[in-house]
All heavy atoms as atom14 arrays in JSON, in Angstrom:
{
  "sequence": "YYSVQLKRDRIAQLTPEPRFDFRQLDLVERPAVA",
  "atom14_mask": [
    [1, 1, 1, 1, 1, 1, 1, 1, 1, 1, 1, 1, 0, 0],
    [1, 1, 1, 1, 1, 1, 1, 1, 1, 1, 1, 1, 0, 0],
    [1, 1, 1, 1, 1, 1, 0, 0, 0, 0, 0, 0, 0, 0],
    [1, 1, 1, 1, 1, 1, 1, 0, 0, 0, 0, 0, 0, 0],
    [1, 1, 1, 1, 1, 1, 1, 1, 1, 0, 0, 0, 0, 0],
    [1, 1, 1, 1, 1, 1, 1, 1, 0, 0, 0, 0, 0, 0],
    [1, 1, 1, 1, 1, 1, 1, 1, 1, 0, 0, 0, 0, 0],
    [1, 1, 1, 1, 1, 1, 1, 1, 1, 1, 1, 0, 0, 0],
    [1, 1, 1, 1, 1, 1, 1, 1, 0, 0, 0, 0, 0, 0],
    [1, 1, 1, 1, 1, 1, 1, 1, 1, 1, 1, 0, 0, 0],
    [1, 1, 1, 1, 1, 1, 1, 1, 0, 0, 0, 0, 0, 0],
    [1, 1, 1, 1, 1, 0, 0, 0, 0, 0, 0, 0, 0, 0],
    [1, 1, 1, 1, 1, 1, 1, 1, 1, 0, 0, 0, 0, 0],
    [1, 1, 1, 1, 1, 1, 1, 1, 0, 0, 0, 0, 0, 0],
    [1, 1, 1, 1, 1, 1, 1, 0, 0, 0, 0, 0, 0, 0],
    [1, 1, 1, 1, 1, 1, 1, 0, 0, 0, 0, 0, 0, 0],
    [1, 1, 1, 1, 1, 1, 1, 1, 1, 0, 0, 0, 0, 0],
    [1, 1, 1, 1, 1, 1, 1, 0, 0, 0, 0, 0, 0, 0],
    [1, 1, 1, 1, 1, 1, 1, 1, 1, 1, 1, 0, 0, 0],
    [1, 1, 1, 1, 1, 1, 1, 1, 1, 1, 1, 0, 0, 0],
    [1, 1, 1, 1, 1, 1, 1, 1, 0, 0, 0, 0, 0, 0],
    [1, 1, 1, 1, 1, 1, 1, 1, 1, 1, 1, 0, 0, 0],
    [1, 1, 1, 1, 1, 1, 1, 1, 1, 1, 1, 0, 0, 0],
    [1, 1, 1, 1, 1, 1, 1, 1, 1, 0, 0, 0, 0, 0],
    [1, 1, 1, 1, 1, 1, 1, 1, 0, 0, 0, 0, 0, 0],
    [1, 1, 1, 1, 1, 1, 1, 1, 0, 0, 0, 0, 0, 0],
    [1, 1, 1, 1, 1, 1, 1, 1, 0, 0, 0, 0, 0, 0],
    [1, 1, 1, 1, 1, 1, 1, 0, 0, 0, 0, 0, 0, 0],
    [1, 1, 1, 1, 1, 1, 1, 1, 1, 0, 0, 0, 0, 0],
    [1, 1, 1, 1, 1, 1, 1, 1, 1, 1, 1, 0, 0, 0],
    [1, 1, 1, 1, 1, 1, 1, 0, 0, 0, 0, 0, 0, 0],
    [1, 1, 1, 1, 1, 0, 0, 0, 0, 0, 0, 0, 0, 0],
    [1, 1, 1, 1, 1, 1, 1, 0, 0, 0, 0, 0, 0, 0],
    [1, 1, 1, 1, 1, 0, 0, 0, 0, 0, 0, 0, 0, 0]
  ],
  "atom14_positions": [
    [[0.83, -1.2, 0.0], [0.0, 0.0, 0.0], [0.87, 1.25, 0.0], [0.56, 2.24, -0.64], [-0.93, -0.03, 1.22], [-1.65, 1.28, 1.48], [-2.57, 1.78, 0.56], [-1.41, 2.01, 2.63], [-3.23, 2.97, 0.79], [-2.08, 3.2, 2.88], [-2.98, 3.68, 1.95], [-3.63, 4.87, 2.18], [0.0, 0.0, 0.0], [0.0, 0.0, 0.0]],
    [[1.96, 1.23, 0.76], [3.02, 2.23, 0.62], [4.36, 1.53, 0.74], [4.42, 0.31, 0.86], [2.86, 3.39, 1.62], [2.97, 3.04, 3.08], [4.21, 2.87, 3.69], [1.84, 2.89, 3.88], [4.33, 2.57, 5.03], [1.94, 2.6, 5.23], [3.19, 2.43, 5.8], [3.3, 2.13, 7.13], [0.0, 0.0, 0.0], [0.0, 0.0, 0.0]],
    [[5.44, 2.27, 0.7], [6.8, 1.73, 0.59], [7.08, 0.54, 1.52], [7.09, 0.67, 2.74], [7.81, 2.84, 0.89], [9.1, 2.31, 1.07], [0.0, 0.0, 0.0], [0.0, 0.0, 0.0], [0.0, 0.0, 0.0], [0.0, 0.0, 0.0], [0.0, 0.0, 0.0], [0.0, 0.0, 0.0], [0.0, 0.0, 0.0], [0.0, 0.0, 0.0]],
    [[7.32, -0.61, 0.91], [7.71, -1.79, 1.68], [9.08, -1.57, 2.32], [9.34, -2.06, 3.42], [7.71, -3.05, 0.78], [8.22, -4.26, 1.54], [6.3, -3.32, 0.26], [0.0, 0.0, 0.0], [0.0, 0.0, 0.0], [0.0, 0.0, 0.0], [0.0, 0.0, 0.0], [0.0, 0.0, 0.0], [0.0, 0.0, 0.0], [0.0, 0.0, 0.0]],
    [[9.93, -0.81, 1.65], [11.26, -0.55, 2.21], [11.16, 0.22, 3.52], [11.9, -0.05, 4.47], [12.13, 0.24, 1.22], [13.58, 0.41, 1.67], [14.25, -0.92, 1.92], [14.26, -1.81, 1.06], [14.83, -1.1, 3.11], [0.0, 0.0, 0.0], [0.0, 0.0, 0.0], [0.0, 0.0, 0.0], [0.0, 0.0, 0.0], [0.0, 0.0, 0.0]],
    [[10.24, 1.18, 3.59], [10.04, 1.91, 4.84], [9.61, 0.95, 5.94], [10.1, 1.03, 7.08], [8.99, 3.0, 4.65], [8.58, 3.79, 5.9], [9.76, 4.53, 6.5], [7.44, 4.75, 5.57], [0.0, 0.0, 0.0], [0.0, 0.0, 0.0], [0.0, 0.0, 0.0], [0.0, 0.0, 0.0], [0.0, 0.0, 0.0], [0.0, 0.0, 0.0]],
    [[8.73, 0.02, 5.61], [8.29, -0.96, 6.6], [9.45, -1.85, 7.05], [9.61, -2.14, 8.24], [7.15, -1.81, 6.02], [5.9, -1.0, 5.71], [4.82, -1.87, 5.08], [3.59, -1.04, 4.75], [2.51, -1.85, 4.14], [0.0, 0.0, 0.0], [0.0, 0.0, 0.0], [0.0, 0.0, 0.0], [0.0, 0.0, 0.0], [0.0, 0.0, 0.0]],
    [[10.26, -2.28, 6.1], [11.42, -3.1, 6.46], [12.41, -2.31, 7.32], [13.03, -2.87, 8.24], [12.11, -3.61, 5.19], [11.26, -4.61, 4.39], [12.07, -5.24, 3.28], [11.25, -6.07, 2.42], [10.87, -7.32, 2.7], [11.26, -7.87, 3.85], [10.13, -8.01, 1.86], [0.0, 0.0, 0.0], [0.0, 0.0, 0.0], [0.0, 0.0, 0.0]],
    [[12.56, -1.03, 7.02], [13.47, -0.21, 7.81], [12.98, -0.06, 9.25], [13.79, -0.02, 10.19], [13.64, 1.16, 7.16], [14.42, 1.11, 5.86], [15.12, 0.09, 5.61], [14.34, 2.07, 5.07], [0.0, 0.0, 0.0], [0.0, 0.0, 0.0], [0.0, 0.0, 0.0], [0.0, 0.0, 0.0], [0.0, 0.0, 0.0], [0.0, 0.0, 0.0]],
    [[11.67, 0.05, 9.42], [11.14, 0.09, 10.79], [11.45, -1.21, 11.53], [11.92, -1.18, 12.68], [9.62, 0.31, 10.74], [9.17, 1.69, 10.25], [7.67, 1.76, 10.31], [7.1, 2.99, 9.77], [6.1, 3.03, 8.9], [5.56, 1.89, 8.46], [5.63, 4.18, 8.47], [0.0, 0.0, 0.0], [0.0, 0.0, 0.0], [0.0, 0.0, 0.0]],
    [[11.17, -2.33, 10.88], [11.42, -3.63, 11.53], [12.91, -3.79, 11.85], [13.28, -4.36, 12.9], [10.94, -4.79, 10.63], [9.41, -4.77, 10.55], [11.43, -6.13, 11.13], [8.72, -5.0, 11.88], [0.0, 0.0, 0.0], [0.0, 0.0, 0.0], [0.0, 0.0, 0.0], [0.0, 0.0, 0.0], [0.0, 0.0, 0.0], [0.0, 0.0, 0.0]],
    [[13.76, -3.26, 10.98], [15.21, -3.35, 11.22], [15.62, -2.63, 12.49], [16.64, -2.98, 13.11], [15.98, -2.8, 10.02], [0.0, 0.0, 0.0], [0.0, 0.0, 0.0], [0.0, 0.0, 0.0], [0.0, 0.0, 0.0], [0.0, 0.0, 0.0], [0.0, 0.0, 0.0], [0.0, 0.0, 0.0], [0.0, 0.0, 0.0], [0.0, 0.0, 0.0]],
    [[14.85, -1.62, 12.9], [15.13, -0.93, 14.16], [14.8, -1.8, 15.38], [15.33, -1.58, 16.47], [14.31, 0.37, 14.24], [14.54, 1.35, 13.12], [15.91, 1.97, 13.17], [16.33, 2.48, 14.21], [16.63, 1.92, 12.06], [0.0, 0.0, 0.0], [0.0, 0.0, 0.0], [0.0, 0.0, 0.0], [0.0, 0.0, 0.0], [0.0, 0.0, 0.0]],
    [[13.91, -2.78, 15.19], [13.44, -3.61, 16.3], [14.17, -4.93, 16.43], [14.29, -5.48, 17.53], [11.93, -3.9, 16.13], [11.0, -2.68, 16.09], [9.59, -3.13, 15.71], [10.98, -1.96, 17.42], [0.0, 0.0, 0.0], [0.0, 0.0, 0.0], [0.0, 0.0, 0.0], [0.0, 0.0, 0.0], [0.0, 0.0, 0.0], [0.0, 0.0, 0.0]],
    [[14.64, -5.47, 15.31], [15.19, -6.83, 15.33], [16.44, -7.03, 16.2], [16.68, -8.15, 16.66], [15.47, -7.32, 13.9], [16.18, -6.31, 13.17], [14.17, -7.61, 13.16], [0.0, 0.0, 0.0], [0.0, 0.0, 0.0], [0.0, 0.0, 0.0], [0.0, 0.0, 0.0], [0.0, 0.0, 0.0], [0.0, 0.0, 0.0], [0.0, 0.0, 0.0]],
    [[17.26, -5.99, 16.47], [18.39, -6.25, 17.39], [17.96, -6.62, 18.81], [18.76, -7.18, 19.57], [19.15, -4.91, 17.38], [18.79, -4.27, 16.08], [17.37, -4.66, 15.83], [0.0, 0.0, 0.0], [0.0, 0.0, 0.0], [0.0, 0.0, 0.0], [0.0, 0.0, 0.0], [0.0, 0.0, 0.0], [0.0, 0.0, 0.0], [0.0, 0.0, 0.0]],
    [[16.72, -6.33, 19.16], [16.23, -6.63, 20.5], [15.88, -8.12, 20.59], [15.03, -8.61, 19.84], [15.0, -5.78, 20.8], [14.27, -6.13, 22.08], [15.16, -6.1, 23.29], [15.71, -5.03, 23.59], [15.31, -7.17, 23.93], [0.0, 0.0, 0.0], [0.0, 0.0, 0.0], [0.0, 0.0, 0.0], [0.0, 0.0, 0.0], [0.0, 0.0, 0.0]],
    [[16.53, -8.89, 21.48], [16.3, -10.35, 21.54], [14.88, -10.73, 21.93], [14.46, -11.86, 21.66], [17.32, -10.83, 22.58], [17.69, -9.62, 23.37], [17.58, -8.46, 22.45], [0.0, 0.0, 0.0], [0.0, 0.0, 0.0], [0.0, 0.0, 0.0], [0.0, 0.0, 0.0], [0.0, 0.0, 0.0], [0.0, 0.0, 0.0], [0.0, 0.0, 0.0]],
    [[14.14, -9.82, 22.57], [12.76, -10.14, 22.97], [11.75, -9.8, 21.88], [10.54, -9.84, 22.12], [12.42, -9.41, 24.27], [13.02, -10.07, 25.51], [12.79, -9.26, 26.77], [13.64, -8.08, 26.8], [13.25, -6.85, 26.52], [12.0, -6.61, 26.18], [14.09, -5.84, 26.58], [0.0, 0.0, 0.0], [0.0, 0.0, 0.0], [0.0, 0.0, 0.0]],
    [[12.25, -9.47, 20.68], [11.37, -9.18, 19.55], [11.49, -10.27, 18.5], [12.59, -10.67, 18.11], [11.71, -7.83, 18.91], [10.83, -7.48, 17.74], [9.54, -7.04, 17.94], [11.31, -7.61, 16.44], [8.72, -6.73, 16.86], [10.5, -7.28, 15.35], [9.2, -6.85, 15.57], [0.0, 0.0, 0.0], [0.0, 0.0, 0.0], [0.0, 0.0, 0.0]],
    [[10.35, -10.77, 18.06], [10.3, -11.84, 17.05], [9.35, -11.4, 15.95], [8.15, -11.22, 16.2], [9.82, -13.13, 17.71], [9.79, -14.31, 16.73], [10.3, -14.17, 15.61], [9.23, -15.36, 17.11], [0.0, 0.0, 0.0], [0.0, 0.0, 0.0], [0.0, 0.0, 0.0], [0.0, 0.0, 0.0], [0.0, 0.0, 0.0], [0.0, 0.0, 0.0]],
    [[9.88, -11.21, 14.74], [9.04, -10.74, 13.64], [8.51, -11.91, 12.82], [9.26, -12.84, 12.49], [9.81, -9.79, 12.72], [9.0, -9.35, 11.52], [7.88, -8.56, 11.69], [9.35, -9.75, 10.24], [7.11, -8.16, 10.6], [8.6, -9.36, 9.14], [7.47, -8.57, 9.32], [0.0, 0.0, 0.0], [0.0, 0.0, 0.0], [0.0, 0.0, 0.0]],
    [[7.22, -11.86, 12.49], [6.6, -12.86, 11.64], [5.9, -12.15, 10.47], [5.05, -11.28, 10.7], [5.54, -13.66, 12.41], [6.01, -14.22, 13.73], [6.95, -15.39, 13.6], [7.34, -15.88, 14.91], [6.66, -16.81, 15.58], [5.54, -17.34, 15.07], [7.07, -17.21, 16.77], [0.0, 0.0, 0.0], [0.0, 0.0, 0.0], [0.0, 0.0, 0.0]],
    [[6.25, -12.53, 9.26], [5.52, -12.01, 8.1], [4.34, -12.92, 7.83], [4.49, -14.09, 7.48], [6.42, -11.93, 6.87], [5.71, -11.28, 5.67], [6.64, -11.01, 4.5], [7.87, -11.11, 4.63], [6.07, -10.66, 3.36], [0.0, 0.0, 0.0], [0.0, 0.0, 0.0], [0.0, 0.0, 0.0], [0.0, 0.0, 0.0], [0.0, 0.0, 0.0]],
    [[3.14, -12.36, 8.0], [1.93, -13.16, 7.91], [0.75, -12.24, 7.6], [0.63, -11.17, 8.19], [1.68, -13.91, 9.23], [0.4, -14.73, 9.35], [0.42, -15.89, 8.37], [0.24, -15.25, 10.78], [0.0, 0.0, 0.0], [0.0, 0.0, 0.0], [0.0, 0.0, 0.0], [0.0, 0.0, 0.0], [0.0, 0.0, 0.0], [0.0, 0.0, 0.0]],
    [[-0.12, -12.67, 6.7], [-1.34, -11.95, 6.39], [-2.46, -12.49, 7.28], [-2.7, -13.71, 7.31], [-1.69, -12.12, 4.91], [-2.76, -11.14, 4.45], [-3.66, -10.82, 5.25], [-2.69, -10.71, 3.28], [0.0, 0.0, 0.0], [0.0, 0.0, 0.0], [0.0, 0.0, 0.0], [0.0, 0.0, 0.0], [0.0, 0.0, 0.0], [0.0, 0.0, 0.0]],
    [[-3.16, -11.61, 7.96], [-4.19, -12.04, 8.91], [-5.38, -12.7, 8.25], [-6.2, -13.33, 8.94], [-4.66, -10.84, 9.74], [-3.67, -10.34, 10.79], [-4.14, -9.03, 11.38], [-3.49, -11.38, 11.89], [0.0, 0.0, 0.0], [0.0, 0.0, 0.0], [0.0, 0.0, 0.0], [0.0, 0.0, 0.0], [0.0, 0.0, 0.0], [0.0, 0.0, 0.0]],
    [[-5.52, -12.6, 6.94], [-6.62, -13.3, 6.28], [-6.35, -14.79, 6.17], [-7.25, -15.57, 5.87], [-6.92, -12.72, 4.88], [-7.24, -11.24, 4.97], [-5.79, -12.97, 3.91], [0.0, 0.0, 0.0], [0.0, 0.0, 0.0], [0.0, 0.0, 0.0], [0.0, 0.0, 0.0], [0.0, 0.0, 0.0], [0.0, 0.0, 0.0], [0.0, 0.0, 0.0]],
    [[-5.11, -15.23, 6.45], [-4.74, -16.65, 6.37], [-5.17, -17.33, 7.67], [-4.4, -17.46, 8.62], [-3.24, -16.78, 6.13], [-2.78, -16.15, 4.82], [-1.26, -16.17, 4.67], [-0.58, -16.91, 5.41], [-0.76, -15.41, 3.82], [0.0, 0.0, 0.0], [0.0, 0.0, 0.0], [0.0, 0.0, 0.0], [0.0, 0.0, 0.0], [0.0, 0.0, 0.0]],
    [[-6.4, -17.78, 7.69], [-7.02, -18.26, 8.92], [-6.25, -19.4, 9.59], [-5.99, -19.33, 10.81], [-8.46, -18.66, 8.66], [-9.21, -19.08, 9.91], [-10.7, -19.19, 9.68], [-11.02, -20.2, 8.67], [-12.27, -20.49, 8.3], [-13.29, -19.83, 8.81], [-12.5, -21.41, 7.38], [0.0, 0.0, 0.0], [0.0, 0.0, 0.0], [0.0, 0.0, 0.0]],
    [[-5.87, -20.46, 8.9], [-5.15, -21.54, 9.59], [-3.82, -21.08, 10.2], [-3.48, -21.49, 11.31], [-4.93, -22.58, 8.48], [-5.98, -22.3, 7.46], [-6.15, -20.82, 7.49], [0.0, 0.0, 0.0], [0.0, 0.0, 0.0], [0.0, 0.0, 0.0], [0.0, 0.0, 0.0], [0.0, 0.0, 0.0], [0.0, 0.0, 0.0], [0.0, 0.0, 0.0]],
    [[-3.1, -20.22, 9.47], [-1.81, -19.75, 9.98], [-1.99, -18.87, 11.21], [-1.2, -18.94, 12.16], [-1.06, -19.0, 8.88], [0.0, 0.0, 0.0], [0.0, 0.0, 0.0], [0.0, 0.0, 0.0], [0.0, 0.0, 0.0], [0.0, 0.0, 0.0], [0.0, 0.0, 0.0], [0.0, 0.0, 0.0], [0.0, 0.0, 0.0], [0.0, 0.0, 0.0]],
    [[-3.03, -18.04, 11.21], [-3.3, -17.19, 12.37], [-3.68, -18.05, 13.58], [-3.19, -17.83, 14.7], [-4.41, -16.17, 12.05], [-4.81, -15.4, 13.31], [-3.95, -15.2, 10.97], [0.0, 0.0, 0.0], [0.0, 0.0, 0.0], [0.0, 0.0, 0.0], [0.0, 0.0, 0.0], [0.0, 0.0, 0.0], [0.0, 0.0, 0.0], [0.0, 0.0, 0.0]],
    [[-4.55, -19.03, 13.37], [-4.94, -19.92, 14.47], [-3.74, -20.67, 15.03], [-3.59, -20.83, 16.26], [-6.0, -20.91, 13.97], [0.0, 0.0, 0.0], [0.0, 0.0, 0.0], [0.0, 0.0, 0.0], [0.0, 0.0, 0.0], [0.0, 0.0, 0.0], [0.0, 0.0, 0.0], [0.0, 0.0, 0.0], [0.0, 0.0, 0.0], [0.0, 0.0, 0.0]]
  ]
}
């Protein structure tokens, strides 16, 4: 919808923190969400 690079750059600010775990997932995927 807007720059994916901007979104990746935000996540890159969080990933050094060991208590953060990023998952790429679309919430419409019902079995994966469950």
